[in-house]
Amino acid sequence: MYPMELVRPMAADLTNYGFSSLTTAEEVDDILQNDEGTTLLVVNSVCGCAAANARPGAKLALQNGIKPDKLFTVFAGVDREATERAREYLLPYPPSSPSIALFKDGKLVHFLERHHIEGRSADIIAANLKMAFDAYCQ
């Protein structure tokens, strides 16, 4: 577990932008089981090399005309129970943080793993997400 003083600003980067933080397995189930509409889930991380662009990329993508109905985040290494449960919904993909998932009607339809994020600019991450929003969030 990471110290809260370290992660608080990283978590706030998304929650201040309208993402709701999920901290328990029950909250994740409530959101993702048989959910209607579209949901963006960011698995946040302290990793500077990837998360530093994942958060801005996700926020930049939300400037698209078409966007998900709901925005949520879990924090790997902090919200352990919620992150573990969220990763069950991300199968068959292996655990990856940071990562960004788009669900439609409770089904995973688009997923950016860490290797899709690491080394990419926020603009490239946003462009990828915008294409997914255009395809699934209508």
C-alpha atoms as a PDB file:
ATOM      1  CA  MET A   1       0.000   0.000   0.000  1.00  0.00           C
ATOM      2  CA  TYR A   2       1.192   3.474  -0.848  1.00  0.00           C
ATOM      3  CA  PRO A   3       1.048   6.361   1.633  1.00  0.00           C
ATOM      4  CA  MET A   4      -2.060   8.511   1.171  1.00  0.00           C
ATOM      5  CA  GLU A   5       0.063  11.669   1.031  1.00  0.00           C
ATOM      6  CA  LEU A   6       1.674  10.295  -2.124  1.00  0.00           C
ATOM      7  CA  VAL A   7      -1.460   9.130  -3.906  1.00  0.00           C
ATOM      8  CA  ARG A   8      -3.962  11.807  -2.881  1.00  0.00           C
ATOM      9  CA  PRO A   9      -2.998  14.258  -5.672  1.00  0.00           C
ATOM     10  CA  MET A  10      -2.972  11.459  -8.266  1.00  0.00           C
ATOM     11  CA  ALA A  11      -6.402  10.263  -7.182  1.00  0.00           C
ATOM     12  CA  ALA A  12      -7.748  13.818  -7.095  1.00  0.00           C
ATOM     13  CA  ASP A  13      -6.532  14.348 -10.657  1.00  0.00           C
ATOM     14  CA  LEU A  14      -9.425  12.122 -11.772  1.00  0.00           C
ATOM     15  CA  THR A  15     -12.000  12.635  -9.031  1.00  0.00           C
ATOM     16  CA  ASN A  16     -11.780  16.413  -9.421  1.00  0.00           C
ATOM     17  CA  TYR A  17     -12.589  15.855 -13.105  1.00  0.00           C
ATOM     18  CA  GLY A  18     -15.799  13.931 -12.421  1.00  0.00           C
ATOM     19  CA  PHE A  19     -14.613  10.363 -11.926  1.00  0.00           C
ATOM     20  CA  SER A  20     -16.085   8.564  -8.923  1.00  0.00           C
ATOM     21  CA  SER A  21     -13.655   6.523  -6.866  1.00  0.00           C
ATOM     22  CA  LEU A  22     -14.543   2.894  -6.176  1.00  0.00           C
ATOM     23  CA  THR A  23     -12.915   1.531  -3.028  1.00  0.00           C
ATOM     24  CA  THR A  24     -14.668  -1.794  -2.362  1.00  0.00           C
ATOM     25  CA  ALA A  25     -15.472  -4.918  -4.345  1.00  0.00           C
ATOM     26  CA  GLU A  26     -19.171  -4.325  -3.699  1.00  0.00           C
ATOM     27  CA  GLU A  27     -18.992  -0.873  -5.279  1.00  0.00           C
ATOM     28  CA  VAL A  28     -17.302  -2.325  -8.360  1.00  0.00           C
ATOM     29  CA  ASP A  29     -19.975  -5.028  -8.634  1.00  0.00           C
ATOM     30  CA  ASP A  30     -22.754  -2.469  -8.223  1.00  0.00           C
ATOM     31  CA  ILE A  31     -21.356  -0.459 -11.122  1.00  0.00           C
ATOM     32  CA  LEU A  32     -20.259  -3.185 -13.536  1.00  0.00           C
ATOM     33  CA  GLN A  33     -22.707  -6.061 -13.061  1.00  0.00           C
ATOM     34  CA  ASN A  34     -25.420  -5.875 -15.692  1.00  0.00           C
ATOM     35  CA  ASP A  35     -24.802  -2.159 -16.091  1.00  0.00           C
ATOM     36  CA  GLU A  36     -26.689  -0.298 -18.792  1.00  0.00           C
ATOM     37  CA  GLY A  37     -25.051   2.355 -20.917  1.00  0.00           C
ATOM     38  CA  THR A  38     -21.360   3.071 -21.155  1.00  0.00           C
ATOM     39  CA  THR A  39     -18.831   3.232 -18.336  1.00  0.00           C
ATOM     40  CA  LEU A  40     -15.203   4.330 -18.435  1.00  0.00           C
ATOM     41  CA  LEU A  41     -13.014   2.790 -15.740  1.00  0.00           C
ATOM     42  CA  VAL A  42      -9.475   4.016 -15.140  1.00  0.00           C
ATOM     43  CA  VAL A  43      -7.184   1.788 -13.101  1.00  0.00           C
ATOM     44  CA  ASN A  44      -5.048   4.559 -11.646  1.00  0.00           C
ATOM     45  CA  SER A  45      -1.447   4.044 -10.602  1.00  0.00           C
ATOM     46  CA  VAL A  46       1.521   5.829  -9.065  1.00  0.00           C
ATOM     47  CA  CYS A  47       3.720   4.764 -11.988  1.00  0.00           C
ATOM     48  CA  GLY A  48       5.171   7.993 -13.310  1.00  0.00           C
ATOM     49  CA  CYS A  49       6.162   6.611 -16.686  1.00  0.00           C
ATOM     50  CA  ALA A  50       2.664   5.510 -17.692  1.00  0.00           C
ATOM     51  CA  ALA A  51       0.101   6.962 -15.303  1.00  0.00           C
ATOM     52  CA  ALA A  52       1.461  10.448 -15.863  1.00  0.00           C
ATOM     53  CA  ASN A  53      -0.043  10.254 -19.372  1.00  0.00           C
ATOM     54  CA  ALA A  54      -2.982   7.934 -18.662  1.00  0.00           C
ATOM     55  CA  ARG A  55      -4.795  10.419 -16.449  1.00  0.00           C
ATOM     56  CA  PRO A  56      -4.386  13.404 -18.795  1.00  0.00           C
ATOM     57  CA  GLY A  57      -5.223  11.175 -21.773  1.00  0.00           C
ATOM     58  CA  ALA A  58      -8.474  10.016 -20.186  1.00  0.00           C
ATOM     59  CA  LYS A  59      -9.433  13.583 -19.281  1.00  0.00           C
ATOM     60  CA  LEU A  60      -8.550  14.891 -22.741  1.00  0.00           C
ATOM     61  CA  ALA A  61     -10.663  12.157 -24.364  1.00  0.00           C
ATOM     62  CA  LEU A  62     -13.671  13.383 -22.405  1.00  0.00           C
ATOM     63  CA  GLN A  63     -13.605  16.605 -24.409  1.00  0.00           C
ATOM     64  CA  ASN A  64     -14.994  14.514 -27.278  1.00  0.00           C
ATOM     65  CA  GLY A  65     -18.563  15.253 -28.319  1.00  0.00           C
ATOM     66  CA  ILE A  66     -19.483  11.627 -27.621  1.00  0.00           C
ATOM     67  CA  LYS A  67     -18.411  10.249 -24.264  1.00  0.00           C
ATOM     68  CA  PRO A  68     -19.283   7.539 -21.734  1.00  0.00           C
ATOM     69  CA  ASP A  69     -22.308   7.870 -19.489  1.00  0.00           C
ATOM     70  CA  LYS A  70     -20.364   7.155 -16.291  1.00  0.00           C
ATOM     71  CA  LEU A  71     -16.786   7.656 -15.099  1.00  0.00           C
ATOM     72  CA  PHE A  72     -15.101   5.582 -12.402  1.00  0.00           C
ATOM     73  CA  THR A  73     -11.644   4.873 -11.100  1.00  0.00           C
ATOM     74  CA  VAL A  74      -9.910   2.380  -8.834  1.00  0.00           C
ATOM     75  CA  PHE A  75      -6.393   2.967  -7.540  1.00  0.00           C
ATOM     76  CA  ALA A  76      -3.964   0.043  -7.851  1.00  0.00           C
ATOM     77  CA  GLY A  77      -1.865  -0.352  -4.725  1.00  0.00           C
ATOM     78  CA  VAL A  78      -4.375   1.646  -2.683  1.00  0.00           C
ATOM     79  CA  ASP A  79      -7.897   0.316  -3.244  1.00  0.00           C
ATOM     80  CA  ARG A  80      -6.729  -3.280  -3.311  1.00  0.00           C
ATOM     81  CA  GLU A  81     -10.127  -4.957  -2.932  1.00  0.00           C
ATOM     82  CA  ALA A  82     -11.780  -2.757  -5.559  1.00  0.00           C
ATOM     83  CA  THR A  83      -8.862  -3.129  -7.974  1.00  0.00           C
ATOM     84  CA  GLU A  84      -8.832  -6.915  -7.641  1.00  0.00           C
ATOM     85  CA  ARG A  85     -12.572  -7.071  -8.337  1.00  0.00           C
ATOM     86  CA  ALA A  86     -12.298  -4.672 -11.273  1.00  0.00           C
ATOM     87  CA  ARG A  87      -9.584  -6.873 -12.770  1.00  0.00           C
ATOM     88  CA  GLU A  88     -12.039  -9.784 -12.758  1.00  0.00           C
ATOM     89  CA  TYR A  89     -14.205  -7.749 -15.135  1.00  0.00           C
ATOM     90  CA  LEU A  90     -11.138  -7.053 -17.290  1.00  0.00           C
ATOM     91  CA  LEU A  91     -10.418 -10.719 -18.009  1.00  0.00           C
ATOM     92  CA  PRO A  92      -8.957 -12.207 -20.185  1.00  0.00           C
ATOM     93  CA  TYR A  93      -6.475  -9.345 -19.919  1.00  0.00           C
ATOM     94  CA  PRO A  94      -3.788  -9.740 -17.249  1.00  0.00           C
ATOM     95  CA  PRO A  95      -3.528  -7.215 -14.403  1.00  0.00           C
ATOM     96  CA  SER A  96      -2.251  -3.941 -15.774  1.00  0.00           C
ATOM     97  CA  SER A  97      -1.853  -0.576 -14.146  1.00  0.00           C
ATOM     98  CA  PRO A  98      -2.466   1.927 -15.256  1.00  0.00           C
ATOM     99  CA  SER A  99      -5.127   0.808 -17.673  1.00  0.00           C
ATOM    100  CA  ILE A 100      -8.333   2.202 -19.113  1.00  0.00           C
ATOM    101  CA  ALA A 101     -11.457   0.168 -19.850  1.00  0.00           C
ATOM    102  CA  LEU A 102     -14.671   1.012 -21.635  1.00  0.00           C
ATOM    103  CA  PHE A 103     -17.753  -1.059 -20.844  1.00  0.00           C
ATOM    104  CA  LYS A 104     -21.033  -1.060 -22.720  1.00  0.00           C
ATOM    105  CA  ASP A 105     -24.051  -2.631 -21.058  1.00  0.00           C
ATOM    106  CA  GLY A 106     -21.749  -4.329 -18.554  1.00  0.00           C
ATOM    107  CA  LYS A 107     -19.442  -5.860 -21.190  1.00  0.00           C
ATOM    108  CA  LEU A 108     -15.839  -4.875 -21.789  1.00  0.00           C
ATOM    109  CA  VAL A 109     -15.636  -3.417 -25.308  1.00  0.00           C
ATOM    110  CA  HIS A 110     -12.311  -1.539 -25.341  1.00  0.00           C
ATOM    111  CA  PHE A 111      -9.205  -1.821 -23.189  1.00  0.00           C
ATOM    112  CA  LEU A 112      -5.909   0.018 -23.035  1.00  0.00           C
ATOM    113  CA  GLU A 113      -3.294  -1.987 -21.188  1.00  0.00           C
ATOM    114  CA  ARG A 114      -0.184  -0.457 -19.685  1.00  0.00           C
ATOM    115  CA  HIS A 115       1.831  -1.295 -22.807  1.00  0.00           C
ATOM    116  CA  HIS A 116      -0.663   0.735 -24.884  1.00  0.00           C
ATOM    117  CA  ILE A 117      -0.155   3.697 -22.526  1.00  0.00           C
ATOM    118  CA  GLU A 118       3.530   3.601 -21.630  1.00  0.00           C
ATOM    119  CA  GLY A 119       5.615   5.769 -23.936  1.00  0.00           C
ATOM    120  CA  ARG A 120       2.517   7.323 -25.552  1.00  0.00           C
ATOM    121  CA  SER A 121       1.517  10.947 -25.196  1.00  0.00           C
ATOM    122  CA  ALA A 122      -1.752  12.003 -23.602  1.00  0.00           C
ATOM    123  CA  ASP A 123      -2.904  13.083 -27.085  1.00  0.00           C
ATOM    124  CA  ILE A 124      -2.348   9.605 -28.533  1.00  0.00           C
ATOM    125  CA  ILE A 125      -4.125   7.958 -25.596  1.00  0.00           C
ATOM    126  CA  ALA A 126      -7.009  10.413 -25.958  1.00  0.00           C
ATOM    127  CA  ALA A 127      -7.262   9.783 -29.714  1.00  0.00           C
ATOM    128  CA  ASN A 128      -7.514   6.043 -29.076  1.00  0.00           C
ATOM    129  CA  LEU A 129     -10.229   6.547 -26.471  1.00  0.00           C
ATOM    130  CA  LYS A 130     -12.150   9.017 -28.650  1.00  0.00           C
ATOM    131  CA  MET A 131     -12.347   6.403 -31.419  1.00  0.00           C
ATOM    132  CA  ALA A 132     -13.750   3.937 -28.889  1.00  0.00           C
ATOM    133  CA  PHE A 133     -16.239   6.511 -27.594  1.00  0.00           C
ATOM    134  CA  ASP A 134     -17.403   7.216 -31.145  1.00  0.00           C
ATOM    135  CA  ALA A 135     -17.862   3.494 -31.781  1.00  0.00           C
ATOM    136  CA  TYR A 136     -19.554   2.450 -28.526  1.00  0.00           C
ATOM    137  CA  CYS A 137     -21.039   5.458 -26.743  1.00  0.00           C
ATOM    138  CA  GLN A 138     -23.881   6.279 -29.112  1.00  0.00           C
END
